[in-house]
Amino acid sequence: MPERPVLRIIRGAPTAAELAALIAVVAAASAVGEADAPRRRSAWAAPDRSMRVPLNSGGWRSSLAPR
């Protein structure tokens, strides 16, 4: 069974550029809900990572590990 079209032109003869603009607007409007989800912050970007720790003999080992 063929799929129903998502958009249907009722009247007029739109150009290819007008159709492309319409599809871009509809796609952007439907993608807004996806951007609202909270993003998980990487441990590398955490503000407390910029705090210095005391230097010790094994400090070079822990310098690569995210805190």
PDB file of N, CA and C in Angstrom:
ATOM      1  N   MET A   1       0.851  -1.168   0.000  1.00  0.00           N
ATOM      2  CA  MET A   1       0.000   0.000   0.000  1.00  0.00           C
ATOM      3  C   MET A   1       0.903   1.240   0.000  1.00  0.00           C
ATOM      4  N   PRO A   2       0.671   2.190  -0.899  1.00  0.00           N
ATOM      5  CA  PRO A   2       1.511   3.393  -0.965  1.00  0.00           C
ATOM      6  C   PRO A   2       1.306   4.272   0.271  1.00  0.00           C
ATOM      7  N   GLU A   3       2.394   4.949   0.666  1.00  0.00           N
ATOM      8  CA  GLU A   3       2.325   5.844   1.827  1.00  0.00           C
ATOM      9  C   GLU A   3       1.616   7.140   1.454  1.00  0.00           C
ATOM     10  N   ARG A   4       0.950   7.713   2.448  1.00  0.00           N
ATOM     11  CA  ARG A   4       0.315   9.014   2.236  1.00  0.00           C
ATOM     12  C   ARG A   4       1.386  10.090   2.234  1.00  0.00           C
ATOM     13  N   PRO A   5       1.241  11.115   1.393  1.00  0.00           N
ATOM     14  CA  PRO A   5       2.224  12.202   1.399  1.00  0.00           C
ATOM     15  C   PRO A   5       2.126  13.009   2.697  1.00  0.00           C
ATOM     16  N   VAL A   6       3.256  13.464   3.171  1.00  0.00           N
ATOM     17  CA  VAL A   6       3.283  14.259   4.395  1.00  0.00           C
ATOM     18  C   VAL A   6       2.764  15.664   4.120  1.00  0.00           C
ATOM     19  N   LEU A   7       3.140  16.233   2.996  1.00  0.00           N
ATOM     20  CA  LEU A   7       2.681  17.563   2.596  1.00  0.00           C
ATOM     21  C   LEU A   7       1.916  17.441   1.281  1.00  0.00           C
ATOM     22  N   ARG A   8       0.901  18.271   1.152  1.00  0.00           N
ATOM     23  CA  ARG A   8       0.114  18.252  -0.079  1.00  0.00           C
ATOM     24  C   ARG A   8      -0.128  19.694  -0.502  1.00  0.00           C
ATOM     25  N   ILE A   9       0.142  19.995  -1.759  1.00  0.00           N
ATOM     26  CA  ILE A   9      -0.081  21.329  -2.311  1.00  0.00           C
ATOM     27  C   ILE A   9      -1.541  21.408  -2.745  1.00  0.00           C
ATOM     28  N   ILE A  10      -2.278  22.340  -2.139  1.00  0.00           N
ATOM     29  CA  ILE A  10      -3.707  22.493  -2.422  1.00  0.00           C
ATOM     30  C   ILE A  10      -3.940  23.359  -3.654  1.00  0.00           C
ATOM     31  N   ARG A  11      -3.197  24.460  -3.735  1.00  0.00           N
ATOM     32  CA  ARG A  11      -3.449  25.398  -4.819  1.00  0.00           C
ATOM     33  C   ARG A  11      -2.132  26.036  -5.235  1.00  0.00           C
ATOM     34  N   GLY A  12      -1.992  26.346  -6.506  1.00  0.00           N
ATOM     35  CA  GLY A  12      -0.800  27.011  -7.013  1.00  0.00           C
ATOM     36  C   GLY A  12       0.223  26.019  -7.545  1.00  0.00           C
ATOM     37  N   ALA A  13       1.315  26.565  -8.022  1.00  0.00           N
ATOM     38  CA  ALA A  13       2.396  25.742  -8.575  1.00  0.00           C
ATOM     39  C   ALA A  13       3.717  26.231  -7.979  1.00  0.00           C
ATOM     40  N   PRO A  14       4.105  25.701  -6.827  1.00  0.00           N
ATOM     41  CA  PRO A  14       5.344  26.175  -6.197  1.00  0.00           C
ATOM     42  C   PRO A  14       6.579  25.746  -6.990  1.00  0.00           C
ATOM     43  N   THR A  15       7.595  26.575  -6.913  1.00  0.00           N
ATOM     44  CA  THR A  15       8.861  26.230  -7.566  1.00  0.00           C
ATOM     45  C   THR A  15       9.616  25.234  -6.690  1.00  0.00           C
ATOM     46  N   ALA A  16      10.668  24.687  -7.244  1.00  0.00           N
ATOM     47  CA  ALA A  16      11.489  23.733  -6.481  1.00  0.00           C
ATOM     48  C   ALA A  16      12.111  24.415  -5.266  1.00  0.00           C
ATOM     49  N   ALA A  17      12.493  25.679  -5.403  1.00  0.00           N
ATOM     50  CA  ALA A  17      13.084  26.419  -4.282  1.00  0.00           C
ATOM     51  C   ALA A  17      12.053  26.652  -3.176  1.00  0.00           C
ATOM     52  N   GLU A  18      10.822  26.959  -3.556  1.00  0.00           N
ATOM     53  CA  GLU A  18       9.771  27.159  -2.555  1.00  0.00           C
ATOM     54  C   GLU A  18       9.455  25.860  -1.816  1.00  0.00           C
ATOM     55  N   LEU A  19       9.417  24.754  -2.534  1.00  0.00           N
ATOM     56  CA  LEU A  19       9.183  23.462  -1.885  1.00  0.00           C
ATOM     57  C   LEU A  19      10.335  23.106  -0.948  1.00  0.00           C
ATOM     58  N   ALA A  20      11.557  23.381  -1.373  1.00  0.00           N
ATOM     59  CA  ALA A  20      12.718  23.098  -0.528  1.00  0.00           C
ATOM     60  C   ALA A  20      12.667  23.929   0.749  1.00  0.00           C
ATOM     61  N   ALA A  21      12.269  25.196   0.633  1.00  0.00           N
ATOM     62  CA  ALA A  21      12.157  26.051   1.816  1.00  0.00           C
ATOM     63  C   ALA A  21      11.072  25.543   2.753  1.00  0.00           C
ATOM     64  N   LEU A  22       9.952  25.127   2.210  1.00  0.00           N
ATOM     65  CA  LEU A  22       8.860  24.596   3.026  1.00  0.00           C
ATOM     66  C   LEU A  22       9.291  23.329   3.761  1.00  0.00           C
ATOM     67  N   ILE A  23       9.951  22.436   3.067  1.00  0.00           N
ATOM     68  CA  ILE A  23      10.407  21.185   3.689  1.00  0.00           C
ATOM     69  C   ILE A  23      11.445  21.471   4.770  1.00  0.00           C
ATOM     70  N   ALA A  24      12.330  22.440   4.537  1.00  0.00           N
ATOM     71  CA  ALA A  24      13.337  22.794   5.540  1.00  0.00           C
ATOM     72  C   ALA A  24      12.684  23.340   6.808  1.00  0.00           C
ATOM     73  N   VAL A  25      11.657  24.173   6.658  1.00  0.00           N
ATOM     74  CA  VAL A  25      10.966  24.740   7.819  1.00  0.00           C
ATOM     75  C   VAL A  25      10.227  23.652   8.592  1.00  0.00           C
ATOM     76  N   VAL A  26       9.552  22.771   7.893  1.00  0.00           N
ATOM     77  CA  VAL A  26       8.815  21.692   8.568  1.00  0.00           C
ATOM     78  C   VAL A  26       9.784  20.750   9.276  1.00  0.00           C
ATOM     79  N   ALA A  27      10.898  20.428   8.636  1.00  0.00           N
ATOM     80  CA  ALA A  27      11.890  19.544   9.260  1.00  0.00           C
ATOM     81  C   ALA A  27      12.508  20.197  10.490  1.00  0.00           C
ATOM     82  N   ALA A  28      12.798  21.491  10.426  1.00  0.00           N
ATOM     83  CA  ALA A  28      13.376  22.193  11.573  1.00  0.00           C
ATOM     84  C   ALA A  28      12.376  22.278  12.719  1.00  0.00           C
ATOM     85  N   ALA A  29      11.116  22.499  12.403  1.00  0.00           N
ATOM     86  CA  ALA A  29      10.096  22.585  13.451  1.00  0.00           C
ATOM     87  C   ALA A  29       9.890  21.242  14.134  1.00  0.00           C
ATOM     88  N   SER A  30       9.996  20.166  13.392  1.00  0.00           N
ATOM     89  CA  SER A  30       9.812  18.849  14.006  1.00  0.00           C
ATOM     90  C   SER A  30      11.035  18.416  14.794  1.00  0.00           C
ATOM     91  N   ALA A  31      12.197  18.981  14.520  1.00  0.00           N
ATOM     92  CA  ALA A  31      13.425  18.616  15.231  1.00  0.00           C
ATOM     93  C   ALA A  31      13.599  19.396  16.525  1.00  0.00           C
ATOM     94  N   VAL A  32      12.765  20.390  16.788  1.00  0.00           N
ATOM     95  CA  VAL A  32      12.896  21.206  17.999  1.00  0.00           C
ATOM     96  C   VAL A  32      12.742  20.353  19.242  1.00  0.00           C
ATOM     97  N   GLY A  33      11.847  19.400  19.240  1.00  0.00           N
ATOM     98  CA  GLY A  33      11.635  18.544  20.405  1.00  0.00           C
ATOM     99  C   GLY A  33      12.857  17.712  20.747  1.00  0.00           C
ATOM    100  N   GLU A  34      13.653  17.340  19.765  1.00  0.00           N
ATOM    101  CA  GLU A  34      14.843  16.545  20.009  1.00  0.00           C
ATOM    102  C   GLU A  34      15.914  17.361  20.721  1.00  0.00           C
ATOM    103  N   ALA A  35      15.991  18.651  20.451  1.00  0.00           N
ATOM    104  CA  ALA A  35      17.035  19.484  21.042  1.00  0.00           C
ATOM    105  C   ALA A  35      16.731  19.839  22.497  1.00  0.00           C
ATOM    106  N   ASP A  36      15.498  19.643  22.956  1.00  0.00           N
ATOM    107  CA  ASP A  36      15.130  20.016  24.310  1.00  0.00           C
ATOM    108  C   ASP A  36      15.645  19.044  25.367  1.00  0.00           C
ATOM    109  N   ALA A  37      16.065  17.869  24.966  1.00  0.00           N
ATOM    110  CA  ALA A  37      16.539  16.878  25.933  1.00  0.00           C
ATOM    111  C   ALA A  37      17.840  17.363  26.577  1.00  0.00           C
ATOM    112  N   PRO A  38      17.965  17.227  27.898  1.00  0.00           N
ATOM    113  CA  PRO A  38      19.201  17.675  28.547  1.00  0.00           C
ATOM    114  C   PRO A  38      20.384  16.824  28.096  1.00  0.00           C
ATOM    115  N   ARG A  39      21.491  17.477  27.885  1.00  0.00           N
ATOM    116  CA  ARG A  39      22.686  16.772  27.440  1.00  0.00           C
ATOM    117  C   ARG A  39      23.561  16.441  28.636  1.00  0.00           C
ATOM    118  N   ARG A  40      24.145  15.281  28.598  1.00  0.00           N
ATOM    119  CA  ARG A  40      25.029  14.847  29.670  1.00  0.00           C
ATOM    120  C   ARG A  40      26.398  15.478  29.454  1.00  0.00           C
ATOM    121  N   ARG A  41      26.912  16.120  30.477  1.00  0.00           N
ATOM    122  CA  ARG A  41      28.191  16.792  30.361  1.00  0.00           C
ATOM    123  C   ARG A  41      29.321  15.780  30.486  1.00  0.00           C
ATOM    124  N   SER A  42      30.301  15.917  29.634  1.00  0.00           N
ATOM    125  CA  SER A  42      31.463  15.048  29.667  1.00  0.00           C
ATOM    126  C   SER A  42      32.277  15.327  30.927  1.00  0.00           C
ATOM    127  N   ALA A  43      32.899  14.296  31.461  1.00  0.00           N
ATOM    128  CA  ALA A  43      33.751  14.475  32.636  1.00  0.00           C
ATOM    129  C   ALA A  43      34.939  15.375  32.312  1.00  0.00           C
ATOM    130  N   TRP A  44      35.332  15.413  31.058  1.00  0.00           N
ATOM    131  CA  TRP A  44      36.458  16.265  30.672  1.00  0.00           C
ATOM    132  C   TRP A  44      36.075  17.744  30.723  1.00  0.00           C
ATOM    133  N   ALA A  45      34.807  18.065  30.559  1.00  0.00           N
ATOM    134  CA  ALA A  45      34.364  19.455  30.553  1.00  0.00           C
ATOM    135  C   ALA A  45      33.843  19.914  31.910  1.00  0.00           C
ATOM    136  N   ALA A  46      33.904  19.079  32.922  1.00  0.00           N
ATOM    137  CA  ALA A  46      33.377  19.431  34.241  1.00  0.00           C
ATOM    138  C   ALA A  46      34.190  20.581  34.846  1.00  0.00           C
ATOM    139  N   PRO A  47      33.515  21.554  35.479  1.00  0.00           N
ATOM    140  CA  PRO A  47      34.234  22.693  36.051  1.00  0.00           C
ATOM    141  C   PRO A  47      35.209  22.293  37.155  1.00  0.00           C
ATOM    142  N   ASP A  48      34.878  21.265  37.916  1.00  0.00           N
ATOM    143  CA  ASP A  48      35.781  20.890  39.002  1.00  0.00           C
ATOM    144  C   ASP A  48      37.071  20.267  38.480  1.00  0.00           C
ATOM    145  N   ARG A  49      37.107  19.927  37.212  1.00  0.00           N
ATOM    146  CA  ARG A  49      38.334  19.375  36.636  1.00  0.00           C
ATOM    147  C   ARG A  49      39.428  20.424  36.558  1.00  0.00           C
ATOM    148  N   SER A  50      39.050  21.682  36.467  1.00  0.00           N
ATOM    149  CA  SER A  50      40.055  22.737  36.367  1.00  0.00           C
ATOM    150  C   SER A  50      40.727  23.034  37.706  1.00  0.00           C
ATOM    151  N   MET A  51      40.200  22.492  38.781  1.00  0.00           N
ATOM    152  CA  MET A  51      40.817  22.693  40.093  1.00  0.00           C
ATOM    153  C   MET A  51      42.097  21.872  40.169  1.00  0.00           C
ATOM    154  N   ARG A  52      43.135  22.486  40.648  1.00  0.00           N
ATOM    155  CA  ARG A  52      44.428  21.794  40.743  1.00  0.00           C
ATOM    156  C   ARG A  52      44.445  20.881  41.959  1.00  0.00           C
ATOM    157  N   VAL A  53      45.139  19.775  41.820  1.00  0.00           N
ATOM    158  CA  VAL A  53      45.341  18.860  42.945  1.00  0.00           C
ATOM    159  C   VAL A  53      46.812  18.931  43.341  1.00  0.00           C
ATOM    160  N   PRO A  54      47.118  18.602  44.589  1.00  0.00           N
ATOM    161  CA  PRO A  54      48.522  18.651  45.008  1.00  0.00           C
ATOM    162  C   PRO A  54      49.377  17.692  44.177  1.00  0.00           C
ATOM    163  N   LEU A  55      50.583  18.117  43.886  1.00  0.00           N
ATOM    164  CA  LEU A  55      51.507  17.276  43.136  1.00  0.00           C
ATOM    165  C   LEU A  55      52.067  16.205  44.057  1.00  0.00           C
ATOM    166  N   ASN A  56      52.167  14.992  43.544  1.00  0.00           N
ATOM    167  CA  ASN A  56      52.771  13.918  44.315  1.00  0.00           C
ATOM    168  C   ASN A  56      53.522  12.999  43.359  1.00  0.00           C
ATOM    169  N   SER A  57      54.078  11.934  43.873  1.00  0.00           N
ATOM    170  CA  SER A  57      54.928  11.073  43.047  1.00  0.00           C
ATOM    171  C   SER A  57      54.150  10.345  41.954  1.00  0.00           C
ATOM    172  N   GLY A  58      52.875  10.064  42.125  1.00  0.00           N
ATOM    173  CA  GLY A  58      52.088   9.363  41.109  1.00  0.00           C
ATOM    174  C   GLY A  58      51.157  10.289  40.345  1.00  0.00           C
ATOM    175  N   GLY A  59      51.393  11.576  40.396  1.00  0.00           N
ATOM    176  CA  GLY A  59      50.502  12.543  39.766  1.00  0.00           C
ATOM    177  C   GLY A  59      50.384  12.394  38.266  1.00  0.00           C
ATOM    178  N   TRP A  60      51.440  11.973  37.609  1.00  0.00           N
ATOM    179  CA  TRP A  60      51.389  11.825  36.154  1.00  0.00           C
ATOM    180  C   TRP A  60      50.421  10.725  35.744  1.00  0.00           C
ATOM    181  N   ARG A  61      50.233   9.714  36.589  1.00  0.00           N
ATOM    182  CA  ARG A  61      49.305   8.627  36.255  1.00  0.00           C
ATOM    183  C   ARG A  61      47.858   9.126  36.263  1.00  0.00           C
ATOM    184  N   SER A  62      47.533   9.932  37.241  1.00  0.00           N
ATOM    185  CA  SER A  62      46.149  10.396  37.367  1.00  0.00           C
ATOM    186  C   SER A  62      45.849  11.613  36.500  1.00  0.00           C
ATOM    187  N   SER A  63      46.853  12.162  35.821  1.00  0.00           N
ATOM    188  CA  SER A  63      46.619  13.371  35.035  1.00  0.00           C
ATOM    189  C   SER A  63      45.742  13.108  33.813  1.00  0.00           C
ATOM    190  N   LEU A  64      45.698  11.885  33.328  1.00  0.00           N
ATOM    191  CA  LEU A  64      44.876  11.580  32.158  1.00  0.00           C
ATOM    192  C   LEU A  64      43.472  11.135  32.516  1.00  0.00           C
ATOM    193  N   ALA A  65      43.264  10.697  33.729  1.00  0.00           N
ATOM    194  CA  ALA A  65      41.963  10.165  34.131  1.00  0.00           C
ATOM    195  C   ALA A  65      41.015  11.296  34.510  1.00  0.00           C
ATOM    196  N   PRO A  66      39.795  11.293  33.962  1.00  0.00           N
ATOM    197  CA  PRO A  66      38.828  12.316  34.376  1.00  0.00           C
ATOM    198  C   PRO A  66      38.422  12.117  35.828  1.00  0.00           C
ATOM    199  N   ARG A  67      38.229  13.216  36.515  1.00  0.00           N
ATOM    200  CA  ARG A  67      37.855  13.139  37.936  1.00  0.00           C
ATOM    201  C   ARG A  67      36.373  13.236  38.097  1.00  0.00           C
TER     202      ARG A  67
END
